[in-house]
Amino acid sequence: MPADPALDAAARAARALAGRPGASIERVRGYGRNSGVYRVDTAGAAYALKQYPPRQPNDRDRASIEYAALRFLTGHGVTTVPRPIAVDAAGGYLLLEWIEGDPVETPIAADIATACNFLRAVHSLRGESDATAQPMAAEACISAAETVAQIEQRLARLAVVTDEPALVAFVHDTLEPLFGEVSTWARAGYTSAGFSFAAEASAQTPCPADFGF
């Protein structure tokens, strides 16, 4: 079998972060849409190793942000997330407690209740002193104006598409006019209610982005 440079690099990172020689590692298929996931086994414990894509200039340090968020949650008694072990910010690796489980293919009422309980637990920590130390989400919308600006940015990205006629027609003929109407209606509603369209929301809460089944 030819050597797998990515697997070899992940193995070196896992050994360094776990502080245990002789760790075995295997890629976990089917997990992680924007990061690689590996299972690391040592003589005394099993870990999950997340590998983030290489950072570009001005990119967020996602590995360190997730490490800090998990420390925040586990430090406040939330046990339904993996315990963070160590992080390699430069290499883009995060070592976590391994939790056995299976994907939820078809959620039932109990799964949804469990998810809601987790969201409730996270929300309950909003008043903790270290909650404000958590960074803003990458595309946080804490004002109406910011929400509109982000939608405009996404529309601008779609506007350069020329090789999908149906998409071009939908964006130009339906989506952009509708967005213009809705944003105008929203601005008027804010004004009539005495609110500032650009004011940032004072009530904020920790948010587990991309959370779901």
N, C-alpha and C. Protein backbone atom coordinates (compact mmCIF):
# COMPACT_ATOMS: atom_id res chain seq x y z
N MET A 1 0.85 -1.19 0.00
CA MET A 1 0.00 0.00 0.00
C MET A 1 0.88 1.24 0.00
N PRO A 2 0.61 2.22 -0.86
CA PRO A 2 1.40 3.46 -0.84
C PRO A 2 1.14 4.24 0.43
N ALA A 3 2.13 4.99 0.86
CA ALA A 3 1.99 5.79 2.07
C ALA A 3 0.96 6.89 1.86
N ASP A 4 0.26 7.24 2.92
CA ASP A 4 -0.73 8.31 2.89
C ASP A 4 -0.14 9.48 3.67
N PRO A 5 0.37 10.51 2.99
CA PRO A 5 1.01 11.63 3.69
C PRO A 5 0.08 12.30 4.69
N ALA A 6 -1.21 12.44 4.35
CA ALA A 6 -2.15 13.09 5.27
C ALA A 6 -2.32 12.27 6.53
N LEU A 7 -2.40 10.95 6.37
CA LEU A 7 -2.56 10.08 7.53
C LEU A 7 -1.29 10.09 8.38
N ASP A 8 -0.13 10.09 7.73
CA ASP A 8 1.13 10.14 8.48
C ASP A 8 1.24 11.43 9.27
N ALA A 9 0.85 12.55 8.66
CA ALA A 9 0.91 13.84 9.36
C ALA A 9 -0.06 13.86 10.52
N ALA A 10 -1.25 13.30 10.32
CA ALA A 10 -2.23 13.25 11.40
C ALA A 10 -1.74 12.37 12.54
N ALA A 11 -1.07 11.26 12.21
CA ALA A 11 -0.54 10.38 13.25
C ALA A 11 0.52 11.09 14.08
N ARG A 12 1.40 11.85 13.43
CA ARG A 12 2.41 12.60 14.17
C ARG A 12 1.76 13.63 15.08
N ALA A 13 0.74 14.32 14.56
CA ALA A 13 0.05 15.30 15.38
C ALA A 13 -0.65 14.65 16.56
N ALA A 14 -1.26 13.49 16.33
CA ALA A 14 -1.98 12.80 17.40
C ALA A 14 -1.02 12.37 18.50
N ARG A 15 0.14 11.83 18.12
CA ARG A 15 1.10 11.41 19.14
C ARG A 15 1.58 12.60 19.96
N ALA A 16 1.82 13.72 19.29
CA ALA A 16 2.30 14.90 20.01
C ALA A 16 1.23 15.45 20.93
N LEU A 17 0.00 15.50 20.48
CA LEU A 17 -1.07 16.07 21.29
C LEU A 17 -1.48 15.15 22.43
N ALA A 18 -1.48 13.84 22.16
CA ALA A 18 -1.87 12.89 23.21
C ALA A 18 -0.75 12.65 24.20
N GLY A 19 0.49 12.90 23.77
CA GLY A 19 1.62 12.66 24.65
C GLY A 19 1.84 11.19 24.92
N ARG A 20 1.41 10.36 23.97
CA ARG A 20 1.54 8.91 24.15
C ARG A 20 2.17 8.32 22.89
N PRO A 21 3.28 7.63 23.01
CA PRO A 21 3.89 7.01 21.83
C PRO A 21 3.09 5.79 21.38
N GLY A 22 3.30 5.43 20.14
CA GLY A 22 2.70 4.19 19.64
C GLY A 22 1.22 4.27 19.37
N ALA A 23 0.66 5.48 19.26
CA ALA A 23 -0.77 5.59 19.00
C ALA A 23 -1.09 5.13 17.58
N SER A 24 -2.17 4.35 17.46
CA SER A 24 -2.63 3.95 16.12
C SER A 24 -3.74 4.89 15.69
N ILE A 25 -3.88 5.07 14.38
CA ILE A 25 -4.83 6.06 13.87
C ILE A 25 -5.50 5.54 12.61
N GLU A 26 -6.77 5.88 12.45
CA GLU A 26 -7.49 5.53 11.24
C GLU A 26 -8.49 6.64 10.92
N ARG A 27 -8.67 6.89 9.63
CA ARG A 27 -9.61 7.92 9.22
C ARG A 27 -11.04 7.40 9.44
N VAL A 28 -11.89 8.27 9.96
CA VAL A 28 -13.29 7.94 10.17
C VAL A 28 -14.07 8.45 8.97
N ARG A 29 -14.63 7.55 8.20
CA ARG A 29 -15.35 7.93 6.98
C ARG A 29 -16.76 8.38 7.32
N GLY A 30 -17.25 9.33 6.55
CA GLY A 30 -18.63 9.77 6.69
C GLY A 30 -18.85 10.84 7.73
N TYR A 31 -17.78 11.31 8.37
CA TYR A 31 -17.92 12.36 9.38
C TYR A 31 -17.09 13.56 8.95
N GLY A 32 -17.61 14.73 9.27
CA GLY A 32 -16.84 15.94 8.98
C GLY A 32 -17.04 16.40 7.56
N ARG A 33 -17.77 17.50 7.38
CA ARG A 33 -17.99 18.04 6.04
C ARG A 33 -16.88 19.00 5.65
N ASN A 34 -16.34 19.69 6.61
CA ASN A 34 -15.29 20.67 6.30
C ASN A 34 -14.04 20.44 7.13
N SER A 35 -13.88 19.22 7.63
CA SER A 35 -12.67 18.85 8.37
C SER A 35 -12.52 17.34 8.31
N GLY A 36 -11.28 16.88 8.46
CA GLY A 36 -11.04 15.45 8.53
C GLY A 36 -11.20 14.96 9.96
N VAL A 37 -11.65 13.73 10.12
CA VAL A 37 -11.84 13.15 11.46
C VAL A 37 -11.12 11.81 11.50
N TYR A 38 -10.35 11.60 12.55
CA TYR A 38 -9.61 10.36 12.74
C TYR A 38 -9.90 9.80 14.13
N ARG A 39 -9.82 8.48 14.25
CA ARG A 39 -9.86 7.84 15.56
C ARG A 39 -8.44 7.48 15.93
N VAL A 40 -8.05 7.84 17.14
CA VAL A 40 -6.71 7.59 17.65
C VAL A 40 -6.82 6.67 18.85
N ASP A 41 -6.15 5.53 18.80
CA ASP A 41 -6.17 4.58 19.92
C ASP A 41 -4.78 4.48 20.54
N THR A 42 -4.73 4.59 21.85
CA THR A 42 -3.49 4.41 22.60
C THR A 42 -3.70 3.29 23.61
N ALA A 43 -2.68 3.01 24.35
CA ALA A 43 -2.78 1.93 25.33
C ALA A 43 -3.80 2.25 26.41
N GLY A 44 -4.04 3.55 26.66
CA GLY A 44 -4.93 3.88 27.77
C GLY A 44 -6.21 4.60 27.41
N ALA A 45 -6.34 5.07 26.18
CA ALA A 45 -7.52 5.87 25.86
C ALA A 45 -7.72 5.93 24.35
N ALA A 46 -8.93 6.31 23.96
CA ALA A 46 -9.26 6.55 22.55
C ALA A 46 -9.61 8.02 22.39
N TYR A 47 -9.20 8.60 21.28
CA TYR A 47 -9.43 10.01 21.03
C TYR A 47 -9.98 10.21 19.63
N ALA A 48 -10.58 11.37 19.43
CA ALA A 48 -10.93 11.83 18.09
C ALA A 48 -9.99 12.96 17.73
N LEU A 49 -9.46 12.93 16.53
CA LEU A 49 -8.58 13.98 16.04
C LEU A 49 -9.26 14.67 14.87
N LYS A 50 -9.49 15.97 15.01
CA LYS A 50 -10.06 16.75 13.91
C LYS A 50 -8.94 17.50 13.21
N GLN A 51 -8.98 17.47 11.90
CA GLN A 51 -7.99 18.19 11.09
C GLN A 51 -8.73 19.21 10.24
N TYR A 52 -8.41 20.48 10.45
CA TYR A 52 -9.06 21.55 9.72
C TYR A 52 -8.29 21.87 8.44
N PRO A 53 -8.97 22.41 7.43
CA PRO A 53 -8.27 22.78 6.20
C PRO A 53 -7.20 23.82 6.49
N PRO A 54 -6.15 23.88 5.66
CA PRO A 54 -5.09 24.89 5.87
C PRO A 54 -5.69 26.29 5.92
N ARG A 55 -5.21 27.09 6.86
CA ARG A 55 -5.72 28.44 7.01
C ARG A 55 -5.12 29.37 5.97
N GLN A 56 -5.98 30.21 5.43
CA GLN A 56 -5.56 31.26 4.52
C GLN A 56 -5.38 32.55 5.31
N PRO A 57 -4.67 33.53 4.75
CA PRO A 57 -4.52 34.81 5.46
C PRO A 57 -5.90 35.36 5.86
N ASN A 58 -5.98 35.82 7.10
CA ASN A 58 -7.21 36.40 7.67
C ASN A 58 -8.26 35.36 8.03
N ASP A 59 -7.96 34.06 7.84
CA ASP A 59 -8.89 33.02 8.28
C ASP A 59 -8.92 32.95 9.80
N ARG A 60 -10.05 32.53 10.33
CA ARG A 60 -10.18 32.31 11.77
C ARG A 60 -9.43 31.05 12.17
N ASP A 61 -8.93 31.03 13.40
CA ASP A 61 -8.26 29.86 13.96
C ASP A 61 -9.35 28.94 14.51
N ARG A 62 -9.95 28.16 13.61
CA ARG A 62 -11.11 27.36 13.99
C ARG A 62 -10.78 26.29 15.02
N ALA A 63 -9.58 25.72 14.95
CA ALA A 63 -9.22 24.68 15.91
C ALA A 63 -9.19 25.26 17.33
N SER A 64 -8.56 26.41 17.50
CA SER A 64 -8.47 27.02 18.82
C SER A 64 -9.82 27.51 19.31
N ILE A 65 -10.65 28.01 18.39
CA ILE A 65 -11.98 28.48 18.77
C ILE A 65 -12.83 27.33 19.28
N GLU A 66 -12.77 26.19 18.58
CA GLU A 66 -13.56 25.04 19.04
C GLU A 66 -13.02 24.50 20.35
N TYR A 67 -11.70 24.48 20.49
CA TYR A 67 -11.09 24.02 21.74
C TYR A 67 -11.59 24.87 22.91
N ALA A 68 -11.57 26.20 22.74
CA ALA A 68 -12.00 27.10 23.80
C ALA A 68 -13.49 26.93 24.10
N ALA A 69 -14.30 26.74 23.05
CA ALA A 69 -15.73 26.57 23.26
C ALA A 69 -16.03 25.29 24.03
N LEU A 70 -15.34 24.21 23.70
CA LEU A 70 -15.57 22.95 24.40
C LEU A 70 -15.07 23.02 25.85
N ARG A 71 -13.98 23.74 26.08
CA ARG A 71 -13.53 23.95 27.46
C ARG A 71 -14.56 24.74 28.25
N PHE A 72 -15.15 25.73 27.59
CA PHE A 72 -16.20 26.53 28.24
C PHE A 72 -17.38 25.65 28.62
N LEU A 73 -17.85 24.82 27.69
CA LEU A 73 -19.02 23.99 27.95
C LEU A 73 -18.74 22.93 29.01
N THR A 74 -17.66 22.19 28.84
CA THR A 74 -17.36 21.13 29.81
C THR A 74 -17.02 21.71 31.17
N GLY A 75 -16.43 22.90 31.19
CA GLY A 75 -16.12 23.55 32.46
C GLY A 75 -17.36 23.95 33.23
N HIS A 76 -18.48 24.07 32.53
CA HIS A 76 -19.74 24.41 33.18
C HIS A 76 -20.67 23.20 33.28
N GLY A 77 -20.10 22.02 33.17
CA GLY A 77 -20.87 20.82 33.44
C GLY A 77 -21.67 20.26 32.29
N VAL A 78 -21.47 20.76 31.08
CA VAL A 78 -22.16 20.18 29.92
C VAL A 78 -21.38 18.93 29.50
N THR A 79 -22.00 17.77 29.67
CA THR A 79 -21.30 16.51 29.44
C THR A 79 -21.66 15.85 28.12
N THR A 80 -22.49 16.50 27.32
CA THR A 80 -22.91 15.90 26.05
C THR A 80 -22.06 16.39 24.89
N VAL A 81 -20.90 16.93 25.18
CA VAL A 81 -19.92 17.29 24.15
C VAL A 81 -18.61 16.62 24.51
N PRO A 82 -17.73 16.39 23.54
CA PRO A 82 -16.45 15.74 23.87
C PRO A 82 -15.54 16.67 24.66
N ARG A 83 -14.82 16.09 25.58
CA ARG A 83 -13.86 16.86 26.37
C ARG A 83 -12.64 17.17 25.50
N PRO A 84 -12.26 18.45 25.40
CA PRO A 84 -11.09 18.78 24.59
C PRO A 84 -9.80 18.40 25.31
N ILE A 85 -8.85 17.83 24.59
CA ILE A 85 -7.60 17.38 25.18
C ILE A 85 -6.47 18.35 24.89
N ALA A 86 -6.27 18.67 23.63
CA ALA A 86 -5.16 19.56 23.25
C ALA A 86 -5.41 20.08 21.85
N VAL A 87 -4.75 21.19 21.53
CA VAL A 87 -4.93 21.79 20.21
C VAL A 87 -3.58 22.17 19.63
N ASP A 88 -3.45 22.00 18.33
CA ASP A 88 -2.27 22.45 17.57
C ASP A 88 -2.78 23.49 16.59
N ALA A 89 -2.74 24.76 17.00
CA ALA A 89 -3.31 25.82 16.17
C ALA A 89 -2.55 25.96 14.86
N ALA A 90 -1.23 25.86 14.91
CA ALA A 90 -0.43 26.04 13.70
C ALA A 90 -0.72 24.94 12.68
N GLY A 91 -0.86 23.71 13.15
CA GLY A 91 -1.11 22.60 12.25
C GLY A 91 -2.57 22.40 11.91
N GLY A 92 -3.47 23.02 12.71
CA GLY A 92 -4.89 22.87 12.46
C GLY A 92 -5.46 21.56 12.96
N TYR A 93 -4.95 21.06 14.09
CA TYR A 93 -5.43 19.80 14.66
C TYR A 93 -6.05 20.05 16.04
N LEU A 94 -7.10 19.30 16.35
CA LEU A 94 -7.75 19.35 17.65
C LEU A 94 -7.97 17.92 18.14
N LEU A 95 -7.46 17.62 19.32
CA LEU A 95 -7.61 16.29 19.90
C LEU A 95 -8.72 16.33 20.95
N LEU A 96 -9.67 15.38 20.81
CA LEU A 96 -10.86 15.35 21.65
C LEU A 96 -11.05 13.97 22.26
N GLU A 97 -11.81 13.95 23.32
CA GLU A 97 -12.29 12.69 23.87
C GLU A 97 -13.10 11.97 22.79
N TRP A 98 -12.91 10.65 22.67
CA TRP A 98 -13.69 9.87 21.72
C TRP A 98 -15.00 9.45 22.39
N ILE A 99 -16.12 9.70 21.72
CA ILE A 99 -17.42 9.30 22.24
C ILE A 99 -18.04 8.33 21.25
N GLU A 100 -18.36 7.14 21.71
CA GLU A 100 -18.98 6.14 20.85
C GLU A 100 -20.41 6.57 20.50
N GLY A 101 -20.83 6.26 19.30
CA GLY A 101 -22.19 6.58 18.91
C GLY A 101 -22.41 6.30 17.44
N ASP A 102 -23.63 6.49 17.02
CA ASP A 102 -24.01 6.26 15.63
C ASP A 102 -24.73 7.50 15.12
N PRO A 103 -24.63 7.77 13.82
CA PRO A 103 -25.37 8.90 13.26
C PRO A 103 -26.88 8.72 13.44
N VAL A 104 -27.57 9.83 13.65
CA VAL A 104 -29.03 9.80 13.73
C VAL A 104 -29.57 9.96 12.32
N GLU A 105 -29.94 8.85 11.72
CA GLU A 105 -30.39 8.87 10.33
C GLU A 105 -31.82 9.40 10.21
N THR A 106 -32.69 8.95 11.12
CA THR A 106 -34.08 9.38 11.11
C THR A 106 -34.46 9.84 12.51
N PRO A 107 -34.39 11.14 12.78
CA PRO A 107 -34.67 11.62 14.14
C PRO A 107 -36.10 11.29 14.58
N ILE A 108 -36.21 10.89 15.83
CA ILE A 108 -37.52 10.67 16.45
C ILE A 108 -37.71 11.72 17.54
N ALA A 109 -38.85 11.69 18.19
CA ALA A 109 -39.16 12.71 19.19
C ALA A 109 -38.10 12.77 20.29
N ALA A 110 -37.60 11.62 20.70
CA ALA A 110 -36.60 11.61 21.77
C ALA A 110 -35.30 12.28 21.33
N ASP A 111 -34.92 12.10 20.06
CA ASP A 111 -33.72 12.75 19.54
C ASP A 111 -33.89 14.26 19.53
N ILE A 112 -35.04 14.72 19.11
CA ILE A 112 -35.30 16.16 19.06
C ILE A 112 -35.32 16.73 20.47
N ALA A 113 -35.90 16.00 21.42
CA ALA A 113 -35.91 16.46 22.81
C ALA A 113 -34.50 16.56 23.35
N THR A 114 -33.65 15.60 23.01
CA THR A 114 -32.26 15.64 23.46
C THR A 114 -31.54 16.85 22.88
N ALA A 115 -31.78 17.11 21.59
CA ALA A 115 -31.16 18.27 20.97
C ALA A 115 -31.64 19.56 21.63
N CYS A 116 -32.92 19.65 21.91
CA CYS A 116 -33.46 20.85 22.57
C CYS A 116 -32.88 21.03 23.96
N ASN A 117 -32.70 19.93 24.68
CA ASN A 117 -32.10 20.01 26.01
C ASN A 117 -30.67 20.53 25.94
N PHE A 118 -29.95 20.11 24.91
CA PHE A 118 -28.59 20.62 24.73
C PHE A 118 -28.60 22.12 24.45
N LEU A 119 -29.47 22.55 23.55
CA LEU A 119 -29.56 23.97 23.24
C LEU A 119 -29.97 24.76 24.48
N ARG A 120 -30.86 24.20 25.29
CA ARG A 120 -31.27 24.87 26.52
C ARG A 120 -30.09 25.01 27.48
N ALA A 121 -29.28 23.96 27.57
CA ALA A 121 -28.11 24.01 28.46
C ALA A 121 -27.11 25.06 28.00
N VAL A 122 -26.88 25.13 26.69
CA VAL A 122 -25.95 26.13 26.16
C VAL A 122 -26.48 27.53 26.41
N HIS A 123 -27.76 27.74 26.14
CA HIS A 123 -28.37 29.06 26.32
C HIS A 123 -28.32 29.50 27.78
N SER A 124 -28.42 28.54 28.69
CA SER A 124 -28.43 28.88 30.12
C SER A 124 -27.10 29.45 30.60
N LEU A 125 -26.05 29.29 29.80
CA LEU A 125 -24.72 29.76 30.19
C LEU A 125 -24.46 31.19 29.72
N ARG A 126 -25.43 31.84 29.10
CA ARG A 126 -25.20 33.16 28.52
C ARG A 126 -24.78 34.21 29.54
N GLY A 127 -25.18 34.01 30.80
CA GLY A 127 -24.85 34.99 31.82
C GLY A 127 -23.54 34.74 32.54
N GLU A 128 -22.85 33.65 32.21
CA GLU A 128 -21.59 33.35 32.88
C GLU A 128 -20.52 34.36 32.48
N SER A 129 -19.61 34.63 33.40
CA SER A 129 -18.60 35.66 33.15
C SER A 129 -17.70 35.32 31.97
N ASP A 130 -17.44 34.03 31.75
CA ASP A 130 -16.56 33.65 30.65
C ASP A 130 -17.30 33.44 29.33
N ALA A 131 -18.63 33.63 29.34
CA ALA A 131 -19.36 33.50 28.09
C ALA A 131 -18.99 34.62 27.12
N THR A 132 -18.76 35.80 27.65
CA THR A 132 -18.43 36.93 26.78
C THR A 132 -17.04 36.80 26.18
N ALA A 133 -16.23 35.88 26.70
CA ALA A 133 -14.89 35.68 26.13
C ALA A 133 -14.94 34.86 24.85
N GLN A 134 -16.07 34.22 24.60
CA GLN A 134 -16.20 33.44 23.38
C GLN A 134 -16.29 34.39 22.19
N PRO A 135 -15.61 34.06 21.08
CA PRO A 135 -15.64 34.98 19.92
C PRO A 135 -16.98 34.97 19.22
N MET A 136 -17.23 36.02 18.47
CA MET A 136 -18.44 36.07 17.66
C MET A 136 -18.36 34.99 16.59
N ALA A 137 -19.52 34.50 16.18
CA ALA A 137 -19.57 33.53 15.09
C ALA A 137 -19.02 34.17 13.82
N ALA A 138 -18.58 33.33 12.90
CA ALA A 138 -17.92 33.83 11.69
C ALA A 138 -18.81 34.78 10.92
N GLU A 139 -20.10 34.51 10.87
CA GLU A 139 -21.01 35.37 10.13
C GLU A 139 -22.19 35.75 11.03
N ALA A 140 -21.85 36.21 12.23
CA ALA A 140 -22.88 36.59 13.18
C ALA A 140 -23.70 37.76 12.65
N CYS A 141 -25.00 37.68 12.79
CA CYS A 141 -25.90 38.76 12.37
C CYS A 141 -26.56 39.33 13.62
N ILE A 142 -25.94 40.35 14.20
CA ILE A 142 -26.47 40.90 15.45
C ILE A 142 -27.14 42.24 15.23
N SER A 143 -27.41 42.58 13.97
CA SER A 143 -28.22 43.74 13.64
C SER A 143 -28.95 43.44 12.35
N ALA A 144 -30.06 44.14 12.12
CA ALA A 144 -30.79 43.94 10.89
C ALA A 144 -29.95 44.37 9.69
N ALA A 145 -29.20 45.45 9.85
CA ALA A 145 -28.36 45.93 8.75
C ALA A 145 -27.31 44.90 8.37
N GLU A 146 -26.74 44.22 9.36
CA GLU A 146 -25.73 43.20 9.06
C GLU A 146 -26.36 42.02 8.34
N THR A 147 -27.57 41.66 8.72
CA THR A 147 -28.27 40.58 8.03
C THR A 147 -28.46 40.92 6.55
N VAL A 148 -28.92 42.14 6.29
CA VAL A 148 -29.11 42.57 4.90
C VAL A 148 -27.78 42.58 4.15
N ALA A 149 -26.73 43.08 4.80
CA ALA A 149 -25.42 43.16 4.14
C ALA A 149 -24.91 41.78 3.77
N GLN A 150 -25.10 40.81 4.64
CA GLN A 150 -24.61 39.47 4.33
C GLN A 150 -25.40 38.83 3.19
N ILE A 151 -26.70 39.08 3.15
CA ILE A 151 -27.49 38.55 2.04
C ILE A 151 -27.06 39.21 0.74
N GLU A 152 -26.78 40.50 0.78
CA GLU A 152 -26.30 41.20 -0.41
C GLU A 152 -24.98 40.62 -0.89
N GLN A 153 -24.10 40.28 0.04
CA GLN A 153 -22.82 39.68 -0.34
C GLN A 153 -23.02 38.33 -1.02
N ARG A 154 -23.96 37.57 -0.54
CA ARG A 154 -24.21 36.26 -1.15
C ARG A 154 -24.87 36.42 -2.52
N LEU A 155 -25.74 37.39 -2.64
CA LEU A 155 -26.34 37.65 -3.94
C LEU A 155 -25.28 38.09 -4.96
N ALA A 156 -24.31 38.89 -4.48
CA ALA A 156 -23.24 39.33 -5.38
C ALA A 156 -22.42 38.15 -5.87
N ARG A 157 -22.22 37.15 -5.02
CA ARG A 157 -21.48 35.96 -5.44
C ARG A 157 -22.27 35.18 -6.48
N LEU A 158 -23.60 35.14 -6.34
CA LEU A 158 -24.42 34.45 -7.33
C LEU A 158 -24.48 35.22 -8.64
N ALA A 159 -24.32 36.54 -8.55
CA ALA A 159 -24.47 37.37 -9.75
C ALA A 159 -23.40 37.09 -10.79
N VAL A 160 -22.27 36.53 -10.37
CA VAL A 160 -21.19 36.28 -11.33
C VAL A 160 -21.37 34.95 -12.04
N VAL A 161 -22.34 34.16 -11.63
CA VAL A 161 -22.61 32.88 -12.29
C VAL A 161 -23.30 33.16 -13.63
N THR A 162 -22.74 32.62 -14.69
CA THR A 162 -23.31 32.86 -16.02
C THR A 162 -23.64 31.58 -16.78
N ASP A 163 -23.17 30.43 -16.27
CA ASP A 163 -23.33 29.19 -17.02
C ASP A 163 -24.50 28.34 -16.51
N GLU A 164 -25.37 28.93 -15.68
CA GLU A 164 -26.56 28.24 -15.21
C GLU A 164 -27.77 29.14 -15.49
N PRO A 165 -28.33 29.08 -16.69
CA PRO A 165 -29.40 30.01 -17.08
C PRO A 165 -30.59 30.02 -16.13
N ALA A 166 -30.98 28.85 -15.63
CA ALA A 166 -32.13 28.81 -14.73
C ALA A 166 -31.83 29.55 -13.43
N LEU A 167 -30.61 29.37 -12.93
CA LEU A 167 -30.22 30.07 -11.70
C LEU A 167 -30.15 31.57 -11.94
N VAL A 168 -29.54 31.96 -13.05
CA VAL A 168 -29.43 33.39 -13.37
C VAL A 168 -30.81 34.03 -13.43
N ALA A 169 -31.75 33.35 -14.09
CA ALA A 169 -33.10 33.89 -14.23
C ALA A 169 -33.79 33.99 -12.87
N PHE A 170 -33.63 32.97 -12.05
CA PHE A 170 -34.27 32.98 -10.72
C PHE A 170 -33.72 34.11 -9.86
N VAL A 171 -32.39 34.26 -9.85
CA VAL A 171 -31.78 35.31 -9.03
C VAL A 171 -32.22 36.68 -9.51
N HIS A 172 -32.16 36.91 -10.84
CA HIS A 172 -32.44 38.24 -11.39
C HIS A 172 -33.93 38.58 -11.36
N ASP A 173 -34.78 37.60 -11.69
CA ASP A 173 -36.20 37.89 -11.86
C ASP A 173 -37.03 37.70 -10.59
N THR A 174 -36.56 36.83 -9.69
CA THR A 174 -37.37 36.51 -8.50
C THR A 174 -36.68 36.90 -7.20
N LEU A 175 -35.47 36.38 -7.01
CA LEU A 175 -34.83 36.53 -5.70
C LEU A 175 -34.45 37.98 -5.40
N GLU A 176 -33.79 38.64 -6.33
CA GLU A 176 -33.36 40.01 -6.07
C GLU A 176 -34.54 40.97 -5.87
N PRO A 177 -35.58 40.93 -6.73
CA PRO A 177 -36.73 41.81 -6.48
C PRO A 177 -37.43 41.53 -5.14
N LEU A 178 -37.57 40.24 -4.81
CA LEU A 178 -38.22 39.90 -3.55
C LEU A 178 -37.39 40.37 -2.36
N PHE A 179 -36.09 40.19 -2.44
CA PHE A 179 -35.22 40.64 -1.35
C PHE A 179 -35.31 42.16 -1.20
N GLY A 180 -35.36 42.88 -2.33
CA GLY A 180 -35.50 44.32 -2.25
C GLY A 180 -36.78 44.73 -1.55
N GLU A 181 -37.88 44.05 -1.86
CA GLU A 181 -39.16 44.37 -1.22
C GLU A 181 -39.12 44.07 0.28
N VAL A 182 -38.57 42.91 0.62
CA VAL A 182 -38.55 42.51 2.03
C VAL A 182 -37.65 43.44 2.85
N SER A 183 -36.48 43.78 2.32
CA SER A 183 -35.57 44.64 3.07
C SER A 183 -36.16 46.04 3.24
N THR A 184 -36.86 46.54 2.21
CA THR A 184 -37.52 47.84 2.33
C THR A 184 -38.63 47.79 3.38
N TRP A 185 -39.40 46.73 3.35
CA TRP A 185 -40.47 46.53 4.34
C TRP A 185 -39.88 46.44 5.76
N ALA A 186 -38.76 45.74 5.89
CA ALA A 186 -38.15 45.59 7.21
C ALA A 186 -37.63 46.93 7.73
N ARG A 187 -36.98 47.69 6.88
CA ARG A 187 -36.48 49.00 7.30
C ARG A 187 -37.63 49.90 7.77
N ALA A 188 -38.72 49.88 7.01
CA ALA A 188 -39.87 50.69 7.39
C ALA A 188 -40.47 50.24 8.72
N GLY A 189 -40.50 48.92 8.90
CA GLY A 189 -41.03 48.40 10.15
C GLY A 189 -40.19 48.79 11.35
N TYR A 190 -38.87 48.74 11.20
CA TYR A 190 -37.98 49.16 12.28
C TYR A 190 -38.22 50.63 12.60
N THR A 191 -38.31 51.45 11.57
CA THR A 191 -38.48 52.89 11.78
C THR A 191 -39.80 53.18 12.49
N SER A 192 -40.87 52.55 12.04
CA SER A 192 -42.17 52.80 12.64
C SER A 192 -42.24 52.33 14.09
N ALA A 193 -41.44 51.33 14.42
CA ALA A 193 -41.42 50.83 15.80
C ALA A 193 -40.42 51.57 16.68
N GLY A 194 -39.68 52.50 16.07
CA GLY A 194 -38.72 53.27 16.85
C GLY A 194 -37.41 52.57 17.10
N PHE A 195 -37.09 51.57 16.27
CA PHE A 195 -35.84 50.83 16.43
C PHE A 195 -34.82 51.28 15.39
N SER A 196 -33.56 51.09 15.73
CA SER A 196 -32.48 51.38 14.79
C SER A 196 -32.16 50.13 13.98
N PHE A 197 -32.14 50.30 12.65
CA PHE A 197 -31.85 49.16 11.77
C PHE A 197 -30.41 48.70 11.93
N ALA A 198 -29.51 49.63 12.32
CA ALA A 198 -28.08 49.30 12.41
C ALA A 198 -27.64 48.95 13.82
N ALA A 199 -28.51 49.15 14.82
CA ALA A 199 -28.10 48.90 16.20
C ALA A 199 -27.86 47.42 16.44
N GLU A 200 -26.78 47.11 17.16
CA GLU A 200 -26.46 45.72 17.48
C GLU A 200 -27.32 45.24 18.65
N ALA A 201 -27.73 44.00 18.58
CA ALA A 201 -28.55 43.42 19.64
C ALA A 201 -27.76 43.35 20.94
N SER A 202 -28.36 43.80 22.02
CA SER A 202 -27.68 43.77 23.32
C SER A 202 -27.82 42.40 23.98
N ALA A 203 -28.87 41.67 23.64
CA ALA A 203 -29.10 40.34 24.22
C ALA A 203 -28.53 39.30 23.26
N GLN A 204 -27.44 38.68 23.67
CA GLN A 204 -26.79 37.67 22.85
C GLN A 204 -26.63 36.39 23.66
N THR A 205 -26.40 35.29 22.96
CA THR A 205 -26.32 33.99 23.63
C THR A 205 -25.33 33.10 22.90
N PRO A 206 -24.69 32.17 23.60
CA PRO A 206 -23.82 31.21 22.92
C PRO A 206 -24.64 30.39 21.92
N CYS A 207 -24.05 30.13 20.76
CA CYS A 207 -24.78 29.45 19.69
C CYS A 207 -23.91 28.34 19.10
N PRO A 208 -24.34 27.07 19.20
CA PRO A 208 -23.58 25.99 18.56
C PRO A 208 -23.90 25.95 17.07
N ALA A 209 -23.11 26.67 16.28
CA ALA A 209 -23.39 26.78 14.85
C ALA A 209 -23.33 25.42 14.16
N ASP A 210 -24.13 25.28 13.10
CA ASP A 210 -24.17 24.04 12.31
C ASP A 210 -24.57 22.83 13.15
N PHE A 211 -25.39 23.06 14.16
CA PHE A 211 -25.81 21.95 15.04
C PHE A 211 -27.07 21.32 14.48
N GLY A 212 -27.07 20.01 14.42
CA GLY A 212 -28.27 19.31 13.95
C GLY A 212 -27.95 17.86 13.64
N PHE A 213 -28.87 17.20 12.98
CA PHE A 213 -28.71 15.78 12.67
C PHE A 213 -28.08 15.56 11.31
